[in-house]
Amino acid sequence: MEDKDLLLSRIANHQLMFGSFNTDSSIVYGRMGLVLFFFHYARYTENTLFEDFGGEILDEIFDDLHTGHKSFRCPV
């Protein structure tokens, strides 16, 4: 396994374990960024487990949007 593959695998495993605890929904530091990572990583590894996990996080984001979660409220 190359260094790049090992690093990506470690990132993916860490986020599988702890990413769902993130309450921020932003693309840079939050769950939307995880969704993008997992969708791309699923394609890279050809493993649908990561796509499914990304889809679950995306469903949670939409649920939060629909219920008016605090991370989607206007700060002004």
PDB file of N, CA and C in Angstrom:
ATOM      1  N   MET A   1       0.847  -1.176   0.000  1.00  0.00           N
ATOM      2  CA  MET A   1       0.000   0.000   0.000  1.00  0.00           C
ATOM      3  C   MET A   1       0.891   1.237   0.000  1.00  0.00           C
ATOM      4  N   GLU A   2       0.580   2.169  -0.863  1.00  0.00           N
ATOM      5  CA  GLU A   2       1.356   3.408  -0.937  1.00  0.00           C
ATOM      6  C   GLU A   2       1.078   4.287   0.270  1.00  0.00           C
ATOM      7  N   ASP A   3       1.973   5.243   0.485  1.00  0.00           N
ATOM      8  CA  ASP A   3       1.803   6.178   1.598  1.00  0.00           C
ATOM      9  C   ASP A   3       0.495   6.947   1.472  1.00  0.00           C
ATOM     10  N   LYS A   4       0.161   7.377   0.255  1.00  0.00           N
ATOM     11  CA  LYS A   4      -1.065   8.133   0.029  1.00  0.00           C
ATOM     12  C   LYS A   4      -2.287   7.294   0.380  1.00  0.00           C
ATOM     13  N   ASP A   5      -2.288   6.038  -0.045  1.00  0.00           N
ATOM     14  CA  ASP A   5      -3.415   5.151   0.239  1.00  0.00           C
ATOM     15  C   ASP A   5      -3.543   4.879   1.735  1.00  0.00           C
ATOM     16  N   LEU A   6      -2.418   4.724   2.399  1.00  0.00           N
ATOM     17  CA  LEU A   6      -2.428   4.483   3.836  1.00  0.00           C
ATOM     18  C   LEU A   6      -2.981   5.694   4.580  1.00  0.00           C
ATOM     19  N   LEU A   7      -2.542   6.876   4.201  1.00  0.00           N
ATOM     20  CA  LEU A   7      -3.029   8.103   4.833  1.00  0.00           C
ATOM     21  C   LEU A   7      -4.527   8.271   4.603  1.00  0.00           C
ATOM     22  N   LEU A   8      -4.985   8.076   3.375  1.00  0.00           N
ATOM     23  CA  LEU A   8      -6.414   8.188   3.090  1.00  0.00           C
ATOM     24  C   LEU A   8      -7.218   7.159   3.872  1.00  0.00           C
ATOM     25  N   SER A   9      -6.689   5.966   3.994  1.00  0.00           N
ATOM     26  CA  SER A   9      -7.374   4.922   4.749  1.00  0.00           C
ATOM     27  C   SER A   9      -7.497   5.296   6.219  1.00  0.00           C
ATOM     28  N   ARG A  10      -6.447   5.860   6.770  1.00  0.00           N
ATOM     29  CA  ARG A  10      -6.479   6.289   8.176  1.00  0.00           C
ATOM     30  C   ARG A  10      -7.486   7.416   8.385  1.00  0.00           C
ATOM     31  N   ILE A  11      -7.511   8.364   7.459  1.00  0.00           N
ATOM     32  CA  ILE A  11      -8.474   9.470   7.545  1.00  0.00           C
ATOM     33  C   ILE A  11      -9.895   8.920   7.474  1.00  0.00           C
ATOM     34  N   ALA A  12     -10.150   8.038   6.514  1.00  0.00           N
ATOM     35  CA  ALA A  12     -11.489   7.470   6.341  1.00  0.00           C
ATOM     36  C   ALA A  12     -11.909   6.690   7.590  1.00  0.00           C
ATOM     37  N   ASN A  13     -11.030   5.872   8.126  1.00  0.00           N
ATOM     38  CA  ASN A  13     -11.363   5.094   9.318  1.00  0.00           C
ATOM     39  C   ASN A  13     -11.643   5.985  10.515  1.00  0.00           C
ATOM     40  N   HIS A  14     -10.838   7.032  10.662  1.00  0.00           N
ATOM     41  CA  HIS A  14     -11.060   7.974  11.765  1.00  0.00           C
ATOM     42  C   HIS A  14     -12.421   8.651  11.625  1.00  0.00           C
ATOM     43  N   GLN A  15     -12.729   9.104  10.416  1.00  0.00           N
ATOM     44  CA  GLN A  15     -13.993   9.794  10.208  1.00  0.00           C
ATOM     45  C   GLN A  15     -15.195   8.856  10.315  1.00  0.00           C
ATOM     46  N   LEU A  16     -15.013   7.595   9.952  1.00  0.00           N
ATOM     47  CA  LEU A  16     -16.090   6.620  10.153  1.00  0.00           C
ATOM     48  C   LEU A  16     -16.429   6.485  11.635  1.00  0.00           C
ATOM     49  N   MET A  17     -15.405   6.523  12.460  1.00  0.00           N
ATOM     50  CA  MET A  17     -15.605   6.361  13.900  1.00  0.00           C
ATOM     51  C   MET A  17     -16.114   7.632  14.582  1.00  0.00           C
ATOM     52  N   PHE A  18     -15.571   8.784  14.189  1.00  0.00           N
ATOM     53  CA  PHE A  18     -15.835  10.006  14.937  1.00  0.00           C
ATOM     54  C   PHE A  18     -16.554  11.108  14.156  1.00  0.00           C
ATOM     55  N   GLY A  19     -16.690  10.973  12.851  1.00  0.00           N
ATOM     56  CA  GLY A  19     -17.272  12.035  12.031  1.00  0.00           C
ATOM     57  C   GLY A  19     -18.725  12.327  12.336  1.00  0.00           C
ATOM     58  N   SER A  20     -19.467  11.325  12.762  1.00  0.00           N
ATOM     59  CA  SER A  20     -20.888  11.542  13.024  1.00  0.00           C
ATOM     60  C   SER A  20     -21.134  12.379  14.281  1.00  0.00           C
ATOM     61  N   PHE A  21     -20.105  12.574  15.103  1.00  0.00           N
ATOM     62  CA  PHE A  21     -20.250  13.411  16.298  1.00  0.00           C
ATOM     63  C   PHE A  21     -20.120  14.898  15.971  1.00  0.00           C
ATOM     64  N   ASN A  22     -19.702  15.215  14.766  1.00  0.00           N
ATOM     65  CA  ASN A  22     -19.536  16.601  14.355  1.00  0.00           C
ATOM     66  C   ASN A  22     -20.904  17.244  14.179  1.00  0.00           C
ATOM     67  N   THR A  23     -21.118  18.393  14.806  1.00  0.00           N
ATOM     68  CA  THR A  23     -22.406  19.080  14.692  1.00  0.00           C
ATOM     69  C   THR A  23     -22.368  20.227  13.695  1.00  0.00           C
ATOM     70  N   ASP A  24     -21.192  20.596  13.243  1.00  0.00           N
ATOM     71  CA  ASP A  24     -21.039  21.658  12.245  1.00  0.00           C
ATOM     72  C   ASP A  24     -21.430  21.094  10.881  1.00  0.00           C
ATOM     73  N   SER A  25     -22.237  21.819  10.143  1.00  0.00           N
ATOM     74  CA  SER A  25     -22.688  21.330   8.841  1.00  0.00           C
ATOM     75  C   SER A  25     -21.966  21.982   7.674  1.00  0.00           C
ATOM     76  N   SER A  26     -20.931  22.729   7.940  1.00  0.00           N
ATOM     77  CA  SER A  26     -20.240  23.455   6.870  1.00  0.00           C
ATOM     78  C   SER A  26     -19.430  22.515   5.982  1.00  0.00           C
ATOM     79  N   ILE A  27     -19.039  23.054   4.848  1.00  0.00           N
ATOM     80  CA  ILE A  27     -18.289  22.252   3.887  1.00  0.00           C
ATOM     81  C   ILE A  27     -16.811  22.162   4.262  1.00  0.00           C
ATOM     82  N   VAL A  28     -16.295  23.148   4.959  1.00  0.00           N
ATOM     83  CA  VAL A  28     -14.866  23.162   5.270  1.00  0.00           C
ATOM     84  C   VAL A  28     -14.554  22.353   6.531  1.00  0.00           C
ATOM     85  N   TYR A  29     -15.279  22.592   7.608  1.00  0.00           N
ATOM     86  CA  TYR A  29     -14.979  21.948   8.880  1.00  0.00           C
ATOM     87  C   TYR A  29     -16.052  20.970   9.340  1.00  0.00           C
ATOM     88  N   GLY A  30     -17.102  20.810   8.555  1.00  0.00           N
ATOM     89  CA  GLY A  30     -18.238  20.052   9.052  1.00  0.00           C
ATOM     90  C   GLY A  30     -18.631  18.836   8.243  1.00  0.00           C
ATOM     91  N   ARG A  31     -19.880  18.491   8.421  1.00  0.00           N
ATOM     92  CA  ARG A  31     -20.407  17.252   7.858  1.00  0.00           C
ATOM     93  C   ARG A  31     -20.527  17.281   6.341  1.00  0.00           C
ATOM     94  N   MET A  32     -20.780  18.434   5.748  1.00  0.00           N
ATOM     95  CA  MET A  32     -20.877  18.477   4.287  1.00  0.00           C
ATOM     96  C   MET A  32     -19.530  18.152   3.651  1.00  0.00           C
ATOM     97  N   GLY A  33     -18.458  18.571   4.271  1.00  0.00           N
ATOM     98  CA  GLY A  33     -17.130  18.198   3.798  1.00  0.00           C
ATOM     99  C   GLY A  33     -16.900  16.701   3.914  1.00  0.00           C
ATOM    100  N   LEU A  34     -17.421  16.094   4.981  1.00  0.00           N
ATOM    101  CA  LEU A  34     -17.315  14.642   5.133  1.00  0.00           C
ATOM    102  C   LEU A  34     -18.086  13.910   4.044  1.00  0.00           C
ATOM    103  N   VAL A  35     -19.251  14.440   3.701  1.00  0.00           N
ATOM    104  CA  VAL A  35     -20.051  13.835   2.628  1.00  0.00           C
ATOM    105  C   VAL A  35     -19.250  13.812   1.333  1.00  0.00           C
ATOM    106  N   LEU A  36     -18.671  14.944   0.987  1.00  0.00           N
ATOM    107  CA  LEU A  36     -17.877  15.013  -0.241  1.00  0.00           C
ATOM    108  C   LEU A  36     -16.678  14.070  -0.177  1.00  0.00           C
ATOM    109  N   PHE A  37     -16.002  14.051   0.973  1.00  0.00           N
ATOM    110  CA  PHE A  37     -14.863  13.150   1.127  1.00  0.00           C
ATOM    111  C   PHE A  37     -15.280  11.704   0.928  1.00  0.00           C
ATOM    112  N   PHE A  38     -16.347  11.278   1.594  1.00  0.00           N
ATOM    113  CA  PHE A  38     -16.750   9.876   1.510  1.00  0.00           C
ATOM    114  C   PHE A  38     -17.245   9.493   0.121  1.00  0.00           C
ATOM    115  N   PHE A  39     -17.924  10.391  -0.566  1.00  0.00           N
ATOM    116  CA  PHE A  39     -18.356  10.069  -1.932  1.00  0.00           C
ATOM    117  C   PHE A  39     -17.152   9.910  -2.860  1.00  0.00           C
ATOM    118  N   HIS A  40     -16.198  10.803  -2.735  1.00  0.00           N
ATOM    119  CA  HIS A  40     -14.988  10.683  -3.572  1.00  0.00           C
ATOM    120  C   HIS A  40     -14.156   9.467  -3.178  1.00  0.00           C
ATOM    121  N   TYR A  41     -14.051   9.214  -1.883  1.00  0.00           N
ATOM    122  CA  TYR A  41     -13.266   8.071  -1.424  1.00  0.00           C
ATOM    123  C   TYR A  41     -13.922   6.752  -1.841  1.00  0.00           C
ATOM    124  N   ALA A  42     -15.238   6.712  -1.854  1.00  0.00           N
ATOM    125  CA  ALA A  42     -15.945   5.509  -2.307  1.00  0.00           C
ATOM    126  C   ALA A  42     -15.627   5.215  -3.767  1.00  0.00           C
ATOM    127  N   ARG A  43     -15.599   6.250  -4.568  1.00  0.00           N
ATOM    128  CA  ARG A  43     -15.255   6.059  -5.978  1.00  0.00           C
ATOM    129  C   ARG A  43     -13.795   5.635  -6.126  1.00  0.00           C
ATOM    130  N   TYR A  44     -12.922   6.235  -5.329  1.00  0.00           N
ATOM    131  CA  TYR A  44     -11.495   5.936  -5.393  1.00  0.00           C
ATOM    132  C   TYR A  44     -11.215   4.479  -5.011  1.00  0.00           C
ATOM    133  N   THR A  45     -11.894   4.005  -3.954  1.00  0.00           N
ATOM    134  CA  THR A  45     -11.653   2.653  -3.458  1.00  0.00           C
ATOM    135  C   THR A  45     -12.592   1.616  -4.070  1.00  0.00           C
ATOM    136  N   GLU A  46     -13.607   2.091  -4.780  1.00  0.00           N
ATOM    137  CA  GLU A  46     -14.653   1.218  -5.331  1.00  0.00           C
ATOM    138  C   GLU A  46     -15.323   0.409  -4.223  1.00  0.00           C
ATOM    139  N   ASN A  47     -15.553   1.065  -3.090  1.00  0.00           N
ATOM    140  CA  ASN A  47     -16.175   0.440  -1.928  1.00  0.00           C
ATOM    141  C   ASN A  47     -17.431   1.236  -1.577  1.00  0.00           C
ATOM    142  N   THR A  48     -18.585   0.619  -1.726  1.00  0.00           N
ATOM    143  CA  THR A  48     -19.853   1.320  -1.517  1.00  0.00           C
ATOM    144  C   THR A  48     -20.135   1.616  -0.044  1.00  0.00           C
ATOM    145  N   LEU A  49     -19.398   1.006   0.872  1.00  0.00           N
ATOM    146  CA  LEU A  49     -19.574   1.302   2.290  1.00  0.00           C
ATOM    147  C   LEU A  49     -19.405   2.800   2.547  1.00  0.00           C
ATOM    148  N   PHE A  50     -18.398   3.394   1.930  1.00  0.00           N
ATOM    149  CA  PHE A  50     -18.125   4.819   2.145  1.00  0.00           C
ATOM    150  C   PHE A  50     -19.203   5.687   1.503  1.00  0.00           C
ATOM    151  N   GLU A  51     -19.720   5.260   0.369  1.00  0.00           N
ATOM    152  CA  GLU A  51     -20.819   5.994  -0.272  1.00  0.00           C
ATOM    153  C   GLU A  51     -22.068   5.940   0.607  1.00  0.00           C
ATOM    154  N   ASP A  52     -22.350   4.786   1.166  1.00  0.00           N
ATOM    155  CA  ASP A  52     -23.511   4.639   2.044  1.00  0.00           C
ATOM    156  C   ASP A  52     -23.384   5.519   3.283  1.00  0.00           C
ATOM    157  N   PHE A  53     -22.187   5.559   3.859  1.00  0.00           N
ATOM    158  CA  PHE A  53     -21.973   6.382   5.049  1.00  0.00           C
ATOM    159  C   PHE A  53     -22.122   7.863   4.703  1.00  0.00           C
ATOM    160  N   GLY A  54     -21.569   8.272   3.568  1.00  0.00           N
ATOM    161  CA  GLY A  54     -21.739   9.659   3.129  1.00  0.00           C
ATOM    162  C   GLY A  54     -23.201  10.000   2.917  1.00  0.00           C
ATOM    163  N   GLY A  55     -23.957   9.069   2.371  1.00  0.00           N
ATOM    164  CA  GLY A  55     -25.388   9.281   2.169  1.00  0.00           C
ATOM    165  C   GLY A  55     -26.147   9.424   3.477  1.00  0.00           C
ATOM    166  N   GLU A  56     -25.753   8.648   4.480  1.00  0.00           N
ATOM    167  CA  GLU A  56     -26.387   8.766   5.796  1.00  0.00           C
ATOM    168  C   GLU A  56     -26.126  10.133   6.413  1.00  0.00           C
ATOM    169  N   ILE A  57     -24.901  10.616   6.280  1.00  0.00           N
ATOM    170  CA  ILE A  57     -24.582  11.946   6.813  1.00  0.00           C
ATOM    171  C   ILE A  57     -25.376  13.011   6.061  1.00  0.00           C
ATOM    172  N   LEU A  58     -25.487  12.865   4.742  1.00  0.00           N
ATOM    173  CA  LEU A  58     -26.254  13.824   3.947  1.00  0.00           C
ATOM    174  C   LEU A  58     -27.721  13.826   4.376  1.00  0.00           C
ATOM    175  N   ASP A  59     -28.281  12.666   4.645  1.00  0.00           N
ATOM    176  CA  ASP A  59     -29.662  12.592   5.143  1.00  0.00           C
ATOM    177  C   ASP A  59     -29.802  13.336   6.468  1.00  0.00           C
ATOM    178  N   GLU A  60     -28.819  13.200   7.352  1.00  0.00           N
ATOM    179  CA  GLU A  60     -28.852  13.911   8.629  1.00  0.00           C
ATOM    180  C   GLU A  60     -28.809  15.423   8.422  1.00  0.00           C
ATOM    181  N   ILE A  61     -28.009  15.859   7.463  1.00  0.00           N
ATOM    182  CA  ILE A  61     -27.916  17.295   7.174  1.00  0.00           C
ATOM    183  C   ILE A  61     -29.262  17.815   6.686  1.00  0.00           C
ATOM    184  N   PHE A  62     -29.906  17.076   5.785  1.00  0.00           N
ATOM    185  CA  PHE A  62     -31.222  17.495   5.288  1.00  0.00           C
ATOM    186  C   PHE A  62     -32.264  17.490   6.404  1.00  0.00           C
ATOM    187  N   ASP A  63     -32.191  16.515   7.298  1.00  0.00           N
ATOM    188  CA  ASP A  63     -33.107  16.499   8.441  1.00  0.00           C
ATOM    189  C   ASP A  63     -32.906  17.739   9.303  1.00  0.00           C
ATOM    190  N   ASP A  64     -31.651  18.107   9.546  1.00  0.00           N
ATOM    191  CA  ASP A  64     -31.359  19.304  10.334  1.00  0.00           C
ATOM    192  C   ASP A  64     -31.847  20.565   9.630  1.00  0.00           C
ATOM    193  N   LEU A  65     -31.707  20.607   8.325  1.00  0.00           N
ATOM    194  CA  LEU A  65     -32.208  21.749   7.555  1.00  0.00           C
ATOM    195  C   LEU A  65     -33.712  21.877   7.708  1.00  0.00           C
ATOM    196  N   HIS A  66     -34.371  20.752   7.633  1.00  0.00           N
ATOM    197  CA  HIS A  66     -35.833  20.739   7.686  1.00  0.00           C
ATOM    198  C   HIS A  66     -36.353  21.118   9.071  1.00  0.00           C
ATOM    199  N   THR A  67     -35.644  20.737  10.112  1.00  0.00           N
ATOM    200  CA  THR A  67     -36.093  21.021  11.472  1.00  0.00           C
ATOM    201  C   THR A  67     -35.567  22.350  12.002  1.00  0.00           C
ATOM    202  N   GLY A  68     -34.731  23.039  11.230  1.00  0.00           N
ATOM    203  CA  GLY A  68     -34.214  24.346  11.653  1.00  0.00           C
ATOM    204  C   GLY A  68     -33.096  24.254  12.666  1.00  0.00           C
ATOM    205  N   HIS A  69     -32.178  23.328  12.458  1.00  0.00           N
ATOM    206  CA  HIS A  69     -31.027  23.167  13.360  1.00  0.00           C
ATOM    207  C   HIS A  69     -30.271  24.483  13.473  1.00  0.00           C
ATOM    208  N   LYS A  70     -29.682  24.746  14.637  1.00  0.00           N
ATOM    209  CA  LYS A  70     -29.024  26.030  14.907  1.00  0.00           C
ATOM    210  C   LYS A  70     -27.898  26.372  13.930  1.00  0.00           C
ATOM    211  N   SER A  71     -27.252  25.364  13.317  1.00  0.00           N
ATOM    212  CA  SER A  71     -26.141  25.671  12.406  1.00  0.00           C
ATOM    213  C   SER A  71     -26.620  26.232  11.071  1.00  0.00           C
ATOM    214  N   PHE A  72     -27.953  26.230  10.848  1.00  0.00           N
ATOM    215  CA  PHE A  72     -28.488  26.768   9.596  1.00  0.00           C
ATOM    216  C   PHE A  72     -29.230  28.082   9.791  1.00  0.00           C
ATOM    217  N   ARG A  73     -29.238  28.603  10.978  1.00  0.00           N
ATOM    218  CA  ARG A  73     -29.925  29.855  11.228  1.00  0.00           C
ATOM    219  C   ARG A  73     -29.048  31.035  10.844  1.00  0.00           C
ATOM    220  N   CYS A  74     -29.679  32.083  10.422  1.00  0.00           N
ATOM    221  CA  CYS A  74     -28.972  33.312  10.054  1.00  0.00           C
ATOM    222  C   CYS A  74     -28.418  33.967  11.317  1.00  0.00           C
ATOM    223  N   PRO A  75     -27.123  34.303  11.344  1.00  0.00           N
ATOM    224  CA  PRO A  75     -26.525  34.873  12.560  1.00  0.00           C
ATOM    225  C   PRO A  75     -26.932  36.302  12.819  1.00  0.00           C
ATOM    226  N   VAL A  76     -27.589  36.946  11.890  1.00  0.00           N
ATOM    227  CA  VAL A  76     -27.962  38.353  12.067  1.00  0.00           C
ATOM    228  C   VAL A  76     -29.322  38.489  12.654  1.00  0.00           C
TER     229      VAL A  76
END
